[in-house]
């Protein structure tokens, strides 16, 4: 039986993480990324440099799902803070999570999120937040099953 492992990402995983993030970008493009960011495909090398910094920084958590040594998913989060006059002013923000299509529905995403939540608890963080594309109904259901609740809506207007 093949075992899926969730491990902390390191520099050896950089190229796999880069490719998985590109797959995530393509997935969002396919579902209609009108609410999210527009990625510049000619700047994917900058994405690799960004990932490298995050892997090495202690305020970031990059987790990788592996099956027989092959990276099949990832999640990444970081610690953010608001001014101290806000309650729960320090929190963990999940930035991205992605599991390759053929491995979805097998609990891998839940395990990735649980691992990030454990990392946040180890850092004495008591709140995890995330954002998602409003067209991504599948993700919304996934997060609801993990007891995440909607708290705000972000609106965007392109000026140019």
C-alpha atoms as a PDB file:
ATOM      1  CA  UNK A   1       0.000   0.000   0.000  1.00  0.00           C
ATOM      2  CA  UNK A   2       1.306   3.404  -0.925  1.00  0.00           C
ATOM      3  CA  UNK A   3       1.436   5.937   1.887  1.00  0.00           C
ATOM      4  CA  UNK A   4       0.872   9.637   1.400  1.00  0.00           C
ATOM      5  CA  UNK A   5       3.204  11.671   3.594  1.00  0.00           C
ATOM      6  CA  UNK A   6       2.836  15.302   4.577  1.00  0.00           C
ATOM      7  CA  UNK A   7       6.236  16.887   5.121  1.00  0.00           C
ATOM      8  CA  UNK A   8       7.619  20.358   5.693  1.00  0.00           C
ATOM      9  CA  UNK A   9       8.846  21.675   2.368  1.00  0.00           C
ATOM     10  CA  UNK A  10      12.532  22.375   1.927  1.00  0.00           C
ATOM     11  CA  UNK A  11      14.857  23.495  -0.841  1.00  0.00           C
ATOM     12  CA  UNK A  12      14.854  19.988  -2.342  1.00  0.00           C
ATOM     13  CA  UNK A  13      11.114  20.463  -2.999  1.00  0.00           C
ATOM     14  CA  UNK A  14      11.481  23.857  -4.683  1.00  0.00           C
ATOM     15  CA  UNK A  15      11.047  22.721  -8.288  1.00  0.00           C
ATOM     16  CA  UNK A  16       8.093  20.460  -7.418  1.00  0.00           C
ATOM     17  CA  UNK A  17       6.432  23.281  -5.466  1.00  0.00           C
ATOM     18  CA  UNK A  18       7.005  25.636  -8.367  1.00  0.00           C
ATOM     19  CA  UNK A  19       5.315  23.231 -10.786  1.00  0.00           C
ATOM     20  CA  UNK A  20       2.402  22.582  -8.389  1.00  0.00           C
ATOM     21  CA  UNK A  21       1.835  26.315  -7.956  1.00  0.00           C
ATOM     22  CA  UNK A  22       1.744  26.747 -11.734  1.00  0.00           C
ATOM     23  CA  UNK A  23      -0.896  23.987 -11.849  1.00  0.00           C
ATOM     24  CA  UNK A  24      -2.857  25.902  -9.186  1.00  0.00           C
ATOM     25  CA  UNK A  25      -2.656  29.060 -11.292  1.00  0.00           C
ATOM     26  CA  UNK A  26      -3.918  27.152 -14.336  1.00  0.00           C
ATOM     27  CA  UNK A  27      -6.769  25.647 -12.285  1.00  0.00           C
ATOM     28  CA  UNK A  28      -7.887  29.122 -11.168  1.00  0.00           C
ATOM     29  CA  UNK A  29      -7.635  30.383 -14.726  1.00  0.00           C
ATOM     30  CA  UNK A  30      -9.848  27.514 -15.902  1.00  0.00           C
ATOM     31  CA  UNK A  31     -12.607  28.235 -13.368  1.00  0.00           C
ATOM     32  CA  UNK A  32     -12.632  31.953 -14.176  1.00  0.00           C
ATOM     33  CA  UNK A  33     -10.216  33.860 -12.034  1.00  0.00           C
ATOM     34  CA  UNK A  34     -12.097  37.158 -12.196  1.00  0.00           C
ATOM     35  CA  UNK A  35     -11.973  37.639  -8.430  1.00  0.00           C
ATOM     36  CA  UNK A  36      -8.348  36.733  -7.909  1.00  0.00           C
ATOM     37  CA  UNK A  37      -4.922  37.731  -9.034  1.00  0.00           C
ATOM     38  CA  UNK A  38      -3.773  37.818 -12.616  1.00  0.00           C
ATOM     39  CA  UNK A  39      -0.488  35.989 -12.960  1.00  0.00           C
ATOM     40  CA  UNK A  40       2.082  36.861 -15.579  1.00  0.00           C
ATOM     41  CA  UNK A  41       3.310  33.652 -17.188  1.00  0.00           C
ATOM     42  CA  UNK A  42       6.533  35.357 -18.253  1.00  0.00           C
ATOM     43  CA  UNK A  43       7.319  35.934 -14.558  1.00  0.00           C
ATOM     44  CA  UNK A  44       7.170  32.341 -13.324  1.00  0.00           C
ATOM     45  CA  UNK A  45      10.864  32.506 -12.397  1.00  0.00           C
ATOM     46  CA  UNK A  46       9.916  35.227  -9.900  1.00  0.00           C
ATOM     47  CA  UNK A  47       7.442  32.735  -8.430  1.00  0.00           C
ATOM     48  CA  UNK A  48      10.304  30.291  -7.855  1.00  0.00           C
ATOM     49  CA  UNK A  49      12.342  32.990  -6.065  1.00  0.00           C
ATOM     50  CA  UNK A  50       9.308  33.871  -3.947  1.00  0.00           C
ATOM     51  CA  UNK A  51       8.842  30.225  -2.938  1.00  0.00           C
ATOM     52  CA  UNK A  52      12.520  29.929  -2.070  1.00  0.00           C
ATOM     53  CA  UNK A  53      12.257  32.862   0.362  1.00  0.00           C
ATOM     54  CA  UNK A  54       9.129  31.412   1.950  1.00  0.00           C
ATOM     55  CA  UNK A  55      10.659  27.971   2.431  1.00  0.00           C
ATOM     56  CA  UNK A  56      13.563  29.547   4.307  1.00  0.00           C
ATOM     57  CA  UNK A  57      11.588  32.024   6.470  1.00  0.00           C
ATOM     58  CA  UNK A  58      10.375  31.002   9.925  1.00  0.00           C
ATOM     59  CA  UNK A  59       7.096  32.957   9.623  1.00  0.00           C
ATOM     60  CA  UNK A  60       6.060  30.766   6.696  1.00  0.00           C
ATOM     61  CA  UNK A  61       4.909  27.179   6.656  1.00  0.00           C
ATOM     62  CA  UNK A  62       5.159  25.257   3.405  1.00  0.00           C
ATOM     63  CA  UNK A  63       3.837  21.697   3.554  1.00  0.00           C
ATOM     64  CA  UNK A  64       4.113  19.146   0.766  1.00  0.00           C
ATOM     65  CA  UNK A  65       2.025  16.011   0.184  1.00  0.00           C
ATOM     66  CA  UNK A  66       4.126  13.201  -1.264  1.00  0.00           C
ATOM     67  CA  UNK A  67       3.226   9.812  -2.660  1.00  0.00           C
ATOM     68  CA  UNK A  68       6.178   7.486  -3.286  1.00  0.00           C
ATOM     69  CA  UNK A  69       8.482  10.510  -3.335  1.00  0.00           C
ATOM     70  CA  UNK A  70       6.343  12.381  -5.888  1.00  0.00           C
ATOM     71  CA  UNK A  71       4.939  15.762  -4.796  1.00  0.00           C
ATOM     72  CA  UNK A  72       1.179  15.713  -5.398  1.00  0.00           C
ATOM     73  CA  UNK A  73       0.020  18.708  -3.387  1.00  0.00           C
ATOM     74  CA  UNK A  74       1.056  21.567  -1.162  1.00  0.00           C
ATOM     75  CA  UNK A  75      -0.238  24.188   1.236  1.00  0.00           C
ATOM     76  CA  UNK A  76       1.440  27.303   2.457  1.00  0.00           C
ATOM     77  CA  UNK A  77       0.671  29.801   5.141  1.00  0.00           C
ATOM     78  CA  UNK A  78       2.280  32.619   7.037  1.00  0.00           C
ATOM     79  CA  UNK A  79       1.891  34.587  10.232  1.00  0.00           C
ATOM     80  CA  UNK A  80       0.352  38.035   9.856  1.00  0.00           C
ATOM     81  CA  UNK A  81      -0.618  40.708  12.342  1.00  0.00           C
ATOM     82  CA  UNK A  82      -2.878  43.712  12.708  1.00  0.00           C
ATOM     83  CA  UNK A  83      -2.380  46.584  15.150  1.00  0.00           C
ATOM     84  CA  UNK A  84      -2.668  45.514  18.773  1.00  0.00           C
ATOM     85  CA  UNK A  85      -6.037  47.223  19.313  1.00  0.00           C
ATOM     86  CA  UNK A  86      -7.661  44.374  17.333  1.00  0.00           C
ATOM     87  CA  UNK A  87      -8.606  41.181  19.135  1.00  0.00           C
ATOM     88  CA  UNK A  88      -6.712  38.188  17.726  1.00  0.00           C
ATOM     89  CA  UNK A  89      -4.360  40.603  16.009  1.00  0.00           C
ATOM     90  CA  UNK A  90      -1.832  37.856  15.197  1.00  0.00           C
ATOM     91  CA  UNK A  91      -3.108  35.087  12.957  1.00  0.00           C
ATOM     92  CA  UNK A  92      -2.121  32.427  10.478  1.00  0.00           C
ATOM     93  CA  UNK A  93      -3.114  33.140   6.876  1.00  0.00           C
ATOM     94  CA  UNK A  94      -3.343  30.211   4.499  1.00  0.00           C
ATOM     95  CA  UNK A  95      -2.211  31.550   1.151  1.00  0.00           C
ATOM     96  CA  UNK A  96      -2.483  28.571  -1.158  1.00  0.00           C
ATOM     97  CA  UNK A  97      -3.464  24.946  -1.110  1.00  0.00           C
ATOM     98  CA  UNK A  98      -3.463  22.620  -4.072  1.00  0.00           C
ATOM     99  CA  UNK A  99      -3.833  18.891  -4.633  1.00  0.00           C
ATOM    100  CA  UNK A 100      -3.487  17.425  -8.117  1.00  0.00           C
ATOM    101  CA  UNK A 101      -6.852  16.475  -9.613  1.00  0.00           C
ATOM    102  CA  UNK A 102      -6.340  12.695  -9.582  1.00  0.00           C
ATOM    103  CA  UNK A 103      -5.606  12.761  -5.827  1.00  0.00           C
ATOM    104  CA  UNK A 104      -8.521  14.939  -4.701  1.00  0.00           C
ATOM    105  CA  UNK A 105     -11.222  13.503  -2.471  1.00  0.00           C
ATOM    106  CA  UNK A 106      -8.747  11.295  -0.594  1.00  0.00           C
ATOM    107  CA  UNK A 107      -8.292  13.505   2.500  1.00  0.00           C
ATOM    108  CA  UNK A 108      -4.967  14.984   1.396  1.00  0.00           C
ATOM    109  CA  UNK A 109      -6.190  18.580   1.468  1.00  0.00           C
ATOM    110  CA  UNK A 110      -7.604  18.077   4.961  1.00  0.00           C
ATOM    111  CA  UNK A 111      -4.298  16.649   6.129  1.00  0.00           C
ATOM    112  CA  UNK A 112      -2.412  19.602   4.651  1.00  0.00           C
ATOM    113  CA  UNK A 113      -4.742  22.073   6.402  1.00  0.00           C
ATOM    114  CA  UNK A 114      -4.533  20.151   9.698  1.00  0.00           C
ATOM    115  CA  UNK A 115      -0.742  20.254   9.511  1.00  0.00           C
ATOM    116  CA  UNK A 116      -0.792  24.019   9.003  1.00  0.00           C
ATOM    117  CA  UNK A 117      -3.222  24.407  11.905  1.00  0.00           C
ATOM    118  CA  UNK A 118      -0.842  22.402  14.121  1.00  0.00           C
ATOM    119  CA  UNK A 119       2.055  24.612  13.016  1.00  0.00           C
ATOM    120  CA  UNK A 120       0.011  27.696  13.948  1.00  0.00           C
ATOM    121  CA  UNK A 121      -0.792  26.253  17.384  1.00  0.00           C
ATOM    122  CA  UNK A 122       2.919  25.590  17.953  1.00  0.00           C
ATOM    123  CA  UNK A 123       3.481  29.298  17.253  1.00  0.00           C
ATOM    124  CA  UNK A 124       0.752  30.198  19.825  1.00  0.00           C
ATOM    125  CA  UNK A 125      -1.565  31.415  17.077  1.00  0.00           C
ATOM    126  CA  UNK A 126      -5.244  30.859  17.850  1.00  0.00           C
ATOM    127  CA  UNK A 127      -6.830  31.838  14.552  1.00  0.00           C
ATOM    128  CA  UNK A 128      -6.414  30.683  10.958  1.00  0.00           C
ATOM    129  CA  UNK A 129      -7.801  32.656   8.036  1.00  0.00           C
ATOM    130  CA  UNK A 130      -7.883  32.147   4.298  1.00  0.00           C
ATOM    131  CA  UNK A 131      -9.339  33.596   1.144  1.00  0.00           C
ATOM    132  CA  UNK A 132     -10.713  31.870  -1.901  1.00  0.00           C
ATOM    133  CA  UNK A 133     -12.039  32.633  -5.337  1.00  0.00           C
ATOM    134  CA  UNK A 134     -15.808  33.015  -5.051  1.00  0.00           C
ATOM    135  CA  UNK A 135     -16.263  30.882  -8.190  1.00  0.00           C
ATOM    136  CA  UNK A 136     -14.456  27.990  -6.567  1.00  0.00           C
ATOM    137  CA  UNK A 137     -17.526  26.281  -5.056  1.00  0.00           C
ATOM    138  CA  UNK A 138     -15.639  23.031  -4.479  1.00  0.00           C
ATOM    139  CA  UNK A 139     -13.109  24.793  -2.252  1.00  0.00           C
ATOM    140  CA  UNK A 140     -15.836  26.566  -0.319  1.00  0.00           C
ATOM    141  CA  UNK A 141     -17.485  23.224   0.524  1.00  0.00           C
ATOM    142  CA  UNK A 142     -14.096  21.761   1.450  1.00  0.00           C
ATOM    143  CA  UNK A 143     -13.375  24.559   3.942  1.00  0.00           C
ATOM    144  CA  UNK A 144     -16.877  24.425   5.421  1.00  0.00           C
ATOM    145  CA  UNK A 145     -16.350  20.715   6.181  1.00  0.00           C
ATOM    146  CA  UNK A 146     -13.206  21.728   8.090  1.00  0.00           C
ATOM    147  CA  UNK A 147     -15.311  24.204  10.149  1.00  0.00           C
ATOM    148  CA  UNK A 148     -14.155  27.395   8.428  1.00  0.00           C
ATOM    149  CA  UNK A 149     -16.817  30.118   8.359  1.00  0.00           C
ATOM    150  CA  UNK A 150     -17.154  33.072   5.989  1.00  0.00           C
ATOM    151  CA  UNK A 151     -16.352  36.357   7.709  1.00  0.00           C
ATOM    152  CA  UNK A 152     -15.833  38.938   4.963  1.00  0.00           C
ATOM    153  CA  UNK A 153     -15.939  39.537   1.241  1.00  0.00           C
ATOM    154  CA  UNK A 154     -13.205  41.260  -0.733  1.00  0.00           C
ATOM    155  CA  UNK A 155     -14.280  43.360  -3.681  1.00  0.00           C
ATOM    156  CA  UNK A 156     -12.032  44.470  -6.502  1.00  0.00           C
ATOM    157  CA  UNK A 157     -12.236  47.067  -9.239  1.00  0.00           C
ATOM    158  CA  UNK A 158      -9.597  47.276 -11.966  1.00  0.00           C
ATOM    159  CA  UNK A 159      -8.776  50.895 -12.797  1.00  0.00           C
ATOM    160  CA  UNK A 160      -6.658  50.234 -15.867  1.00  0.00           C
END
